Amino acid sequence: MSEWIFTFGTNHVHPVTGESLGRRFVAIKAADAATARVEMFAAFGPKWAMEYASRENAGVERFGLVELDLEEVRSATKGVAAATPDLAEDERDDEVTR
């Protein structure tokens, strides 16, 4: 199982508190990137910026990012899920960026 890091833009806000998530990140442990993205979409919908394969690649230390507890978000939103991504579309995006 690998850890996947998801970051936010300055225009993204916490779904409960409304606070800016510009300097925050979420870490998700999953078997692969596609599974991690499904979890991220379930919690935040499309309201996040980037996905990284490590904390170092995401710049967690370099930029002083603060971890947002995904379980706290899930319980605060009481499992209200956003749209799940179309994995076939994600695969097309991967081909375009190669």
PDB file of N, CA and C in Angstrom:
ATOM      1  N   MET A   1       0.831  -1.175   0.000  1.00  0.00           N
ATOM      2  CA  MET A   1       0.000   0.000   0.000  1.00  0.00           C
ATOM      3  C   MET A   1       0.881   1.246   0.000  1.00  0.00           C
ATOM      4  N   SER A   2       0.548   2.189  -0.841  1.00  0.00           N
ATOM      5  CA  SER A   2       1.318   3.427  -0.958  1.00  0.00           C
ATOM      6  C   SER A   2       0.530   4.602  -0.407  1.00  0.00           C
ATOM      7  N   GLU A   3       1.262   5.666  -0.111  1.00  0.00           N
ATOM      8  CA  GLU A   3       0.623   6.888   0.351  1.00  0.00           C
ATOM      9  C   GLU A   3       0.593   7.879  -0.815  1.00  0.00           C
ATOM     10  N   TRP A   4      -0.568   8.448  -1.069  1.00  0.00           N
ATOM     11  CA  TRP A   4      -0.769   9.436  -2.126  1.00  0.00           C
ATOM     12  C   TRP A   4      -1.113  10.765  -1.477  1.00  0.00           C
ATOM     13  N   ILE A   5      -0.524  11.824  -1.962  1.00  0.00           N
ATOM     14  CA  ILE A   5      -0.692  13.155  -1.388  1.00  0.00           C
ATOM     15  C   ILE A   5      -1.510  14.022  -2.344  1.00  0.00           C
ATOM     16  N   PHE A   6      -2.528  14.683  -1.810  1.00  0.00           N
ATOM     17  CA  PHE A   6      -3.381  15.564  -2.599  1.00  0.00           C
ATOM     18  C   PHE A   6      -3.312  16.964  -2.009  1.00  0.00           C
ATOM     19  N   THR A   7      -3.105  17.942  -2.866  1.00  0.00           N
ATOM     20  CA  THR A   7      -3.013  19.331  -2.422  1.00  0.00           C
ATOM     21  C   THR A   7      -4.206  20.131  -2.939  1.00  0.00           C
ATOM     22  N   PHE A   8      -4.304  21.342  -2.448  1.00  0.00           N
ATOM     23  CA  PHE A   8      -5.421  22.226  -2.775  1.00  0.00           C
ATOM     24  C   PHE A   8      -4.902  23.558  -3.302  1.00  0.00           C
ATOM     25  N   GLY A   9      -5.749  24.277  -3.998  1.00  0.00           N
ATOM     26  CA  GLY A   9      -5.433  25.627  -4.436  1.00  0.00           C
ATOM     27  C   GLY A   9      -5.966  26.624  -3.423  1.00  0.00           C
ATOM     28  N   THR A  10      -5.567  27.862  -3.557  1.00  0.00           N
ATOM     29  CA  THR A  10      -6.007  28.886  -2.597  1.00  0.00           C
ATOM     30  C   THR A  10      -7.500  29.146  -2.674  1.00  0.00           C
ATOM     31  N   ASN A  11      -8.117  28.786  -3.783  1.00  0.00           N
ATOM     32  CA  ASN A  11      -9.558  28.994  -3.930  1.00  0.00           C
ATOM     33  C   ASN A  11     -10.383  27.830  -3.385  1.00  0.00           C
ATOM     34  N   HIS A  12      -9.732  26.777  -2.920  1.00  0.00           N
ATOM     35  CA  HIS A  12     -10.452  25.639  -2.348  1.00  0.00           C
ATOM     36  C   HIS A  12     -10.676  25.869  -0.858  1.00  0.00           C
ATOM     37  N   VAL A  13     -11.878  25.511  -0.380  1.00  0.00           N
ATOM     38  CA  VAL A  13     -12.209  25.741   1.022  1.00  0.00           C
ATOM     39  C   VAL A  13     -12.645  24.442   1.696  1.00  0.00           C
ATOM     40  N   HIS A  14     -12.465  24.408   3.007  1.00  0.00           N
ATOM     41  CA  HIS A  14     -12.874  23.265   3.818  1.00  0.00           C
ATOM     42  C   HIS A  14     -14.389  23.121   3.691  1.00  0.00           C
ATOM     43  N   PRO A  15     -14.890  21.901   3.445  1.00  0.00           N
ATOM     44  CA  PRO A  15     -16.327  21.732   3.230  1.00  0.00           C
ATOM     45  C   PRO A  15     -17.200  22.040   4.440  1.00  0.00           C
ATOM     46  N   VAL A  16     -16.622  22.085   5.625  1.00  0.00           N
ATOM     47  CA  VAL A  16     -17.404  22.369   6.831  1.00  0.00           C
ATOM     48  C   VAL A  16     -17.117  23.762   7.368  1.00  0.00           C
ATOM     49  N   THR A  17     -15.835  24.090   7.527  1.00  0.00           N
ATOM     50  CA  THR A  17     -15.474  25.367   8.163  1.00  0.00           C
ATOM     51  C   THR A  17     -15.407  26.533   7.186  1.00  0.00           C
ATOM     52  N   GLY A  18     -15.243  26.245   5.906  1.00  0.00           N
ATOM     53  CA  GLY A  18     -15.105  27.304   4.919  1.00  0.00           C
ATOM     54  C   GLY A  18     -13.721  27.921   4.882  1.00  0.00           C
ATOM     55  N   GLU A  19     -12.780  27.421   5.701  1.00  0.00           N
ATOM     56  CA  GLU A  19     -11.418  27.962   5.728  1.00  0.00           C
ATOM     57  C   GLU A  19     -10.682  27.584   4.442  1.00  0.00           C
ATOM     58  N   SER A  20      -9.779  28.451   4.000  1.00  0.00           N
ATOM     59  CA  SER A  20      -8.980  28.194   2.809  1.00  0.00           C
ATOM     60  C   SER A  20      -8.096  26.965   3.020  1.00  0.00           C
ATOM     61  N   LEU A  21      -7.984  26.144   1.995  1.00  0.00           N
ATOM     62  CA  LEU A  21      -7.145  24.940   2.053  1.00  0.00           C
ATOM     63  C   LEU A  21      -5.855  25.125   1.264  1.00  0.00           C
ATOM     64  N   GLY A  22      -5.522  26.356   0.935  1.00  0.00           N
ATOM     65  CA  GLY A  22      -4.364  26.650   0.098  1.00  0.00           C
ATOM     66  C   GLY A  22      -3.044  26.109   0.590  1.00  0.00           C
ATOM     67  N   ARG A  23      -2.847  25.952   1.873  1.00  0.00           N
ATOM     68  CA  ARG A  23      -1.582  25.437   2.428  1.00  0.00           C
ATOM     69  C   ARG A  23      -1.801  24.084   3.102  1.00  0.00           C
ATOM     70  N   ARG A  24      -2.809  23.347   2.675  1.00  0.00           N
ATOM     71  CA  ARG A  24      -3.146  22.065   3.296  1.00  0.00           C
ATOM     72  C   ARG A  24      -2.963  20.930   2.298  1.00  0.00           C
ATOM     73  N   PHE A  25      -2.894  19.704   2.828  1.00  0.00           N
ATOM     74  CA  PHE A  25      -2.837  18.517   1.986  1.00  0.00           C
ATOM     75  C   PHE A  25      -3.532  17.366   2.691  1.00  0.00           C
ATOM     76  N   VAL A  26      -3.914  16.364   1.907  1.00  0.00           N
ATOM     77  CA  VAL A  26      -4.511  15.136   2.421  1.00  0.00           C
ATOM     78  C   VAL A  26      -3.622  13.986   1.997  1.00  0.00           C
ATOM     79  N   ALA A  27      -3.358  13.054   2.914  1.00  0.00           N
ATOM     80  CA  ALA A  27      -2.605  11.828   2.615  1.00  0.00           C
ATOM     81  C   ALA A  27      -3.589  10.663   2.621  1.00  0.00           C
ATOM     82  N   ILE A  28      -3.572   9.877   1.557  1.00  0.00           N
ATOM     83  CA  ILE A  28      -4.460   8.715   1.450  1.00  0.00           C
ATOM     84  C   ILE A  28      -3.613   7.486   1.168  1.00  0.00           C
ATOM     85  N   LYS A  29      -3.786   6.457   1.990  1.00  0.00           N
ATOM     86  CA  LYS A  29      -3.103   5.182   1.753  1.00  0.00           C
ATOM     87  C   LYS A  29      -4.022   4.317   0.912  1.00  0.00           C
ATOM     88  N   ALA A  30      -3.485   3.859  -0.230  1.00  0.00           N
ATOM     89  CA  ALA A  30      -4.279   3.057  -1.151  1.00  0.00           C
ATOM     90  C   ALA A  30      -3.349   2.166  -1.972  1.00  0.00           C
ATOM     91  N   ALA A  31      -3.936   1.151  -2.569  1.00  0.00           N
ATOM     92  CA  ALA A  31      -3.166   0.213  -3.381  1.00  0.00           C
ATOM     93  C   ALA A  31      -2.594   0.875  -4.628  1.00  0.00           C
ATOM     94  N   ASP A  32      -3.324   1.862  -5.169  1.00  0.00           N
ATOM     95  CA  ASP A  32      -2.862   2.531  -6.382  1.00  0.00           C
ATOM     96  C   ASP A  32      -3.456   3.934  -6.466  1.00  0.00           C
ATOM     97  N   ALA A  33      -2.973   4.697  -7.433  1.00  0.00           N
ATOM     98  CA  ALA A  33      -3.404   6.090  -7.585  1.00  0.00           C
ATOM     99  C   ALA A  33      -4.892   6.196  -7.899  1.00  0.00           C
ATOM    100  N   ALA A  34      -5.405   5.287  -8.715  1.00  0.00           N
ATOM    101  CA  ALA A  34      -6.828   5.348  -9.083  1.00  0.00           C
ATOM    102  C   ALA A  34      -7.716   5.178  -7.860  1.00  0.00           C
ATOM    103  N   THR A  35      -7.361   4.253  -6.980  1.00  0.00           N
ATOM    104  CA  THR A  35      -8.143   4.034  -5.756  1.00  0.00           C
ATOM    105  C   THR A  35      -8.065   5.254  -4.847  1.00  0.00           C
ATOM    106  N   ALA A  36      -6.886   5.856  -4.741  1.00  0.00           N
ATOM    107  CA  ALA A  36      -6.725   7.057  -3.920  1.00  0.00           C
ATOM    108  C   ALA A  36      -7.571   8.204  -4.478  1.00  0.00           C
ATOM    109  N   ARG A  37      -7.604   8.358  -5.811  1.00  0.00           N
ATOM    110  CA  ARG A  37      -8.414   9.420  -6.427  1.00  0.00           C
ATOM    111  C   ARG A  37      -9.901   9.221  -6.149  1.00  0.00           C
ATOM    112  N   VAL A  38     -10.363   7.974  -6.179  1.00  0.00           N
ATOM    113  CA  VAL A  38     -11.773   7.704  -5.882  1.00  0.00           C
ATOM    114  C   VAL A  38     -12.105   8.176  -4.469  1.00  0.00           C
ATOM    115  N   GLU A  39     -11.205   7.893  -3.515  1.00  0.00           N
ATOM    116  CA  GLU A  39     -11.425   8.344  -2.133  1.00  0.00           C
ATOM    117  C   GLU A  39     -11.416   9.865  -2.040  1.00  0.00           C
ATOM    118  N   MET A  40     -10.500  10.498  -2.767  1.00  0.00           N
ATOM    119  CA  MET A  40     -10.410  11.959  -2.725  1.00  0.00           C
ATOM    120  C   MET A  40     -11.654  12.595  -3.336  1.00  0.00           C
ATOM    121  N   PHE A  41     -12.117  12.065  -4.463  1.00  0.00           N
ATOM    122  CA  PHE A  41     -13.332  12.587  -5.070  1.00  0.00           C
ATOM    123  C   PHE A  41     -14.539  12.372  -4.166  1.00  0.00           C
ATOM    124  N   ALA A  42     -14.582  11.258  -3.455  1.00  0.00           N
ATOM    125  CA  ALA A  42     -15.699  10.992  -2.539  1.00  0.00           C
ATOM    126  C   ALA A  42     -15.749  12.029  -1.424  1.00  0.00           C
ATOM    127  N   ALA A  43     -14.599  12.493  -0.977  1.00  0.00           N
ATOM    128  CA  ALA A  43     -14.544  13.467   0.119  1.00  0.00           C
ATOM    129  C   ALA A  43     -14.653  14.915  -0.359  1.00  0.00           C
ATOM    130  N   PHE A  44     -14.030  15.250  -1.501  1.00  0.00           N
ATOM    131  CA  PHE A  44     -13.936  16.648  -1.923  1.00  0.00           C
ATOM    132  C   PHE A  44     -14.501  16.936  -3.303  1.00  0.00           C
ATOM    133  N   GLY A  45     -14.995  15.918  -3.993  1.00  0.00           N
ATOM    134  CA  GLY A  45     -15.416  16.136  -5.368  1.00  0.00           C
ATOM    135  C   GLY A  45     -14.211  16.583  -6.174  1.00  0.00           C
ATOM    136  N   PRO A  46     -14.389  17.479  -7.136  1.00  0.00           N
ATOM    137  CA  PRO A  46     -13.262  17.953  -7.947  1.00  0.00           C
ATOM    138  C   PRO A  46     -12.530  19.144  -7.322  1.00  0.00           C
ATOM    139  N   LYS A  47     -12.812  19.441  -6.061  1.00  0.00           N
ATOM    140  CA  LYS A  47     -12.271  20.648  -5.425  1.00  0.00           C
ATOM    141  C   LYS A  47     -10.942  20.390  -4.729  1.00  0.00           C
ATOM    142  N   TRP A  48      -9.939  20.016  -5.514  1.00  0.00           N
ATOM    143  CA  TRP A  48      -8.564  19.846  -5.062  1.00  0.00           C
ATOM    144  C   TRP A  48      -7.671  20.108  -6.261  1.00  0.00           C
ATOM    145  N   ALA A  49      -6.370  20.269  -6.017  1.00  0.00           N
ATOM    146  CA  ALA A  49      -5.493  20.710  -7.109  1.00  0.00           C
ATOM    147  C   ALA A  49      -4.668  19.597  -7.731  1.00  0.00           C
ATOM    148  N   MET A  50      -3.771  18.989  -6.972  1.00  0.00           N
ATOM    149  CA  MET A  50      -2.797  18.061  -7.542  1.00  0.00           C
ATOM    150  C   MET A  50      -2.680  16.787  -6.714  1.00  0.00           C
ATOM    151  N   GLU A  51      -2.176  15.747  -7.373  1.00  0.00           N
ATOM    152  CA  GLU A  51      -1.914  14.460  -6.729  1.00  0.00           C
ATOM    153  C   GLU A  51      -0.422  14.160  -6.877  1.00  0.00           C
ATOM    154  N   TYR A  52       0.185  13.665  -5.794  1.00  0.00           N
ATOM    155  CA  TYR A  52       1.612  13.343  -5.806  1.00  0.00           C
ATOM    156  C   TYR A  52       1.838  11.966  -5.205  1.00  0.00           C
ATOM    157  N   ALA A  53       2.929  11.336  -5.601  1.00  0.00           N
ATOM    158  CA  ALA A  53       3.270   9.997  -5.111  1.00  0.00           C
ATOM    159  C   ALA A  53       4.067  10.036  -3.807  1.00  0.00           C
ATOM    160  N   SER A  54       4.433  11.228  -3.329  1.00  0.00           N
ATOM    161  CA  SER A  54       5.161  11.318  -2.061  1.00  0.00           C
ATOM    162  C   SER A  54       5.016  12.718  -1.465  1.00  0.00           C
ATOM    163  N   ARG A  55       5.273  12.804  -0.175  1.00  0.00           N
ATOM    164  CA  ARG A  55       5.245  14.098   0.511  1.00  0.00           C
ATOM    165  C   ARG A  55       6.335  15.015  -0.042  1.00  0.00           C
ATOM    166  N   GLU A  56       7.485  14.422  -0.348  1.00  0.00           N
ATOM    167  CA  GLU A  56       8.586  15.214  -0.900  1.00  0.00           C
ATOM    168  C   GLU A  56       8.196  15.823  -2.248  1.00  0.00           C
ATOM    169  N   ASN A  57       7.604  15.011  -3.125  1.00  0.00           N
ATOM    170  CA  ASN A  57       7.183  15.521  -4.437  1.00  0.00           C
ATOM    171  C   ASN A  57       6.129  16.616  -4.302  1.00  0.00           C
ATOM    172  N   ALA A  58       5.290  16.514  -3.282  1.00  0.00           N
ATOM    173  CA  ALA A  58       4.242  17.518  -3.056  1.00  0.00           C
ATOM    174  C   ALA A  58       4.794  18.799  -2.438  1.00  0.00           C
ATOM    175  N   GLY A  59       6.017  18.744  -1.919  1.00  0.00           N
ATOM    176  CA  GLY A  59       6.619  19.920  -1.294  1.00  0.00           C
ATOM    177  C   GLY A  59       6.093  20.193   0.100  1.00  0.00           C
ATOM    178  N   VAL A  60       5.693  19.131   0.816  1.00  0.00           N
ATOM    179  CA  VAL A  60       5.109  19.309   2.147  1.00  0.00           C
ATOM    180  C   VAL A  60       6.057  20.086   3.060  1.00  0.00           C
ATOM    181  N   GLU A  61       7.305  19.652   3.182  1.00  0.00           N
ATOM    182  CA  GLU A  61       8.258  20.362   4.044  1.00  0.00           C
ATOM    183  C   GLU A  61       8.689  21.687   3.432  1.00  0.00           C
ATOM    184  N   ARG A  62       9.007  21.650   2.140  1.00  0.00           N
ATOM    185  CA  ARG A  62       9.522  22.846   1.456  1.00  0.00           C
ATOM    186  C   ARG A  62       8.558  24.019   1.545  1.00  0.00           C
ATOM    187  N   PHE A  63       7.251  23.748   1.426  1.00  0.00           N
ATOM    188  CA  PHE A  63       6.255  24.816   1.442  1.00  0.00           C
ATOM    189  C   PHE A  63       5.509  24.935   2.767  1.00  0.00           C
ATOM    190  N   GLY A  64       5.875  24.097   3.745  1.00  0.00           N
ATOM    191  CA  GLY A  64       5.237  24.168   5.054  1.00  0.00           C
ATOM    192  C   GLY A  64       3.763  23.798   5.028  1.00  0.00           C
ATOM    193  N   LEU A  65       3.408  22.802   4.206  1.00  0.00           N
ATOM    194  CA  LEU A  65       2.005  22.384   4.119  1.00  0.00           C
ATOM    195  C   LEU A  65       1.582  21.652   5.383  1.00  0.00           C
ATOM    196  N   VAL A  66       0.322  21.808   5.740  1.00  0.00           N
ATOM    197  CA  VAL A  66      -0.233  21.210   6.954  1.00  0.00           C
ATOM    198  C   VAL A  66      -1.242  20.133   6.553  1.00  0.00           C
ATOM    199  N   GLU A  67      -1.130  18.970   7.186  1.00  0.00           N
ATOM    200  CA  GLU A  67      -2.015  17.859   6.836  1.00  0.00           C
ATOM    201  C   GLU A  67      -3.434  18.083   7.335  1.00  0.00           C
ATOM    202  N   LEU A  68      -4.378  17.792   6.487  1.00  0.00           N
ATOM    203  CA  LEU A  68      -5.803  17.837   6.812  1.00  0.00           C
ATOM    204  C   LEU A  68      -6.237  16.395   7.020  1.00  0.00           C
ATOM    205  N   ASP A  69      -6.823  16.104   8.169  1.00  0.00           N
ATOM    206  CA  ASP A  69      -7.238  14.740   8.494  1.00  0.00           C
ATOM    207  C   ASP A  69      -8.480  14.368   7.689  1.00  0.00           C
ATOM    208  N   LEU A  70      -8.307  13.422   6.767  1.00  0.00           N
ATOM    209  CA  LEU A  70      -9.403  13.007   5.899  1.00  0.00           C
ATOM    210  C   LEU A  70     -10.557  12.409   6.693  1.00  0.00           C
ATOM    211  N   GLU A  71     -10.259  11.675   7.746  1.00  0.00           N
ATOM    212  CA  GLU A  71     -11.322  11.063   8.560  1.00  0.00           C
ATOM    213  C   GLU A  71     -12.167  12.122   9.253  1.00  0.00           C
ATOM    214  N   GLU A  72     -11.539  13.211   9.688  1.00  0.00           N
ATOM    215  CA  GLU A  72     -12.299  14.305  10.303  1.00  0.00           C
ATOM    216  C   GLU A  72     -13.249  14.933   9.289  1.00  0.00           C
ATOM    217  N   VAL A  73     -12.778  15.104   8.068  1.00  0.00           N
ATOM    218  CA  VAL A  73     -13.626  15.672   7.015  1.00  0.00           C
ATOM    219  C   VAL A  73     -14.788  14.732   6.736  1.00  0.00           C
ATOM    220  N   ARG A  74     -14.491  13.457   6.623  1.00  0.00           N
ATOM    221  CA  ARG A  74     -15.549  12.471   6.351  1.00  0.00           C
ATOM    222  C   ARG A  74     -16.607  12.470   7.441  1.00  0.00           C
ATOM    223  N   SER A  75     -16.184  12.475   8.701  1.00  0.00           N
ATOM    224  CA  SER A  75     -17.172  12.434   9.774  1.00  0.00           C
ATOM    225  C   SER A  75     -17.925  13.753   9.895  1.00  0.00           C
ATOM    226  N   ALA A  76     -17.255  14.869   9.619  1.00  0.00           N
ATOM    227  CA  ALA A  76     -17.919  16.174   9.689  1.00  0.00           C
ATOM    228  C   ALA A  76     -18.959  16.336   8.591  1.00  0.00           C
ATOM    229  N   THR A  77     -18.705  15.737   7.442  1.00  0.00           N
ATOM    230  CA  THR A  77     -19.665  15.828   6.346  1.00  0.00           C
ATOM    231  C   THR A  77     -20.614  14.637   6.354  1.00  0.00           C
ATOM    232  N   LYS A  78     -20.456  13.764   7.335  1.00  0.00           N
ATOM    233  CA  LYS A  78     -21.323  12.595   7.538  1.00  0.00           C
ATOM    234  C   LYS A  78     -21.484  11.750   6.279  1.00  0.00           C
ATOM    235  N   GLY A  79     -20.352  11.577   5.574  1.00  0.00           N
ATOM    236  CA  GLY A  79     -20.338  10.678   4.434  1.00  0.00           C
ATOM    237  C   GLY A  79     -21.034  11.185   3.195  1.00  0.00           C
ATOM    238  N   VAL A  80     -21.344  12.470   3.162  1.00  0.00           N
ATOM    239  CA  VAL A  80     -21.959  13.013   1.956  1.00  0.00           C
ATOM    240  C   VAL A  80     -20.899  12.986   0.866  1.00  0.00           C
ATOM    241  N   ALA A  81     -21.109  12.146  -0.131  1.00  0.00           N
ATOM    242  CA  ALA A  81     -20.097  11.946  -1.167  1.00  0.00           C
ATOM    243  C   ALA A  81     -20.357  12.856  -2.360  1.00  0.00           C
ATOM    244  N   ALA A  82     -19.271  13.344  -2.904  1.00  0.00           N
ATOM    245  CA  ALA A  82     -19.349  14.100  -4.153  1.00  0.00           C
ATOM    246  C   ALA A  82     -19.317  13.098  -5.310  1.00  0.00           C
ATOM    247  N   ALA A  83     -19.377  13.604  -6.495  1.00  0.00           N
ATOM    248  CA  ALA A  83     -19.354  12.734  -7.668  1.00  0.00           C
ATOM    249  C   ALA A  83     -18.056  11.936  -7.716  1.00  0.00           C
ATOM    250  N   THR A  84     -18.159  10.688  -8.116  1.00  0.00           N
ATOM    251  CA  THR A  84     -16.991   9.826  -8.265  1.00  0.00           C
ATOM    252  C   THR A  84     -16.417  10.057  -9.654  1.00  0.00           C
ATOM    253  N   PRO A  85     -15.088  10.073  -9.769  1.00  0.00           N
ATOM    254  CA  PRO A  85     -14.503  10.355 -11.074  1.00  0.00           C
ATOM    255  C   PRO A  85     -14.743   9.229 -12.066  1.00  0.00           C
ATOM    256  N   ASP A  86     -14.747   9.579 -13.315  1.00  0.00           N
ATOM    257  CA  ASP A  86     -14.827   8.603 -14.396  1.00  0.00           C
ATOM    258  C   ASP A  86     -13.400   8.119 -14.634  1.00  0.00           C
ATOM    259  N   LEU A  87     -13.087   6.901 -14.171  1.00  0.00           N
ATOM    260  CA  LEU A  87     -11.712   6.413 -14.267  1.00  0.00           C
ATOM    261  C   LEU A  87     -11.251   6.304 -15.711  1.00  0.00           C
ATOM    262  N   ALA A  88     -12.154   6.009 -16.621  1.00  0.00           N
ATOM    263  CA  ALA A  88     -11.774   5.943 -18.026  1.00  0.00           C
ATOM    264  C   ALA A  88     -11.272   7.318 -18.485  1.00  0.00           C
ATOM    265  N   GLU A  89     -11.915   8.394 -17.999  1.00  0.00           N
ATOM    266  CA  GLU A  89     -11.471   9.740 -18.352  1.00  0.00           C
ATOM    267  C   GLU A  89     -10.093  10.003 -17.769  1.00  0.00           C
ATOM    268  N   ASP A  90      -9.853   9.564 -16.512  1.00  0.00           N
ATOM    269  CA  ASP A  90      -8.539   9.738 -15.896  1.00  0.00           C
ATOM    270  C   ASP A  90      -7.466   9.040 -16.718  1.00  0.00           C
ATOM    271  N   GLU A  91      -7.764   7.856 -17.233  1.00  0.00           N
ATOM    272  CA  GLU A  91      -6.792   7.129 -18.042  1.00  0.00           C
ATOM    273  C   GLU A  91      -6.473   7.896 -19.319  1.00  0.00           C
ATOM    274  N   ARG A  92      -7.483   8.526 -19.928  1.00  0.00           N
ATOM    275  CA  ARG A  92      -7.238   9.341 -21.126  1.00  0.00           C
ATOM    276  C   ARG A  92      -6.341  10.523 -20.781  1.00  0.00           C
ATOM    277  N   ASP A  93      -6.568  11.143 -19.622  1.00  0.00           N
ATOM    278  CA  ASP A  93      -5.735  12.264 -19.195  1.00  0.00           C
ATOM    279  C   ASP A  93      -4.293  11.823 -19.039  1.00  0.00           C
ATOM    280  N   ASP A  94      -4.079  10.618 -18.466  1.00  0.00           N
ATOM    281  CA  ASP A  94      -2.715  10.100 -18.292  1.00  0.00           C
ATOM    282  C   ASP A  94      -2.024   9.954 -19.639  1.00  0.00           C
ATOM    283  N   GLU A  95      -2.733   9.502 -20.643  1.00  0.00           N
ATOM    284  CA  GLU A  95      -2.136   9.318 -21.976  1.00  0.00           C
ATOM    285  C   GLU A  95      -1.751  10.658 -22.583  1.00  0.00           C
ATOM    286  N   VAL A  96      -2.544  11.673 -22.356  1.00  0.00           N
ATOM    287  CA  VAL A  96      -2.276  12.988 -22.916  1.00  0.00           C
ATOM    288  C   VAL A  96      -1.009  13.580 -22.312  1.00  0.00           C
ATOM    289  N   THR A  97      -0.743  13.323 -21.025  1.00  0.00           N
ATOM    290  CA  THR A  97       0.399  13.937 -20.349  1.00  0.00           C
ATOM    291  C   THR A  97       1.691  13.167 -20.527  1.00  0.00           C
ATOM    292  N   ARG A  98       1.650  12.014 -21.156  1.00  0.00           N
ATOM    293  CA  ARG A  98       2.887  11.214 -21.344  1.00  0.00           C
ATOM    294  C   ARG A  98       3.792  11.823 -22.365  1.00  0.00           C
TER     295      ARG A  98
END
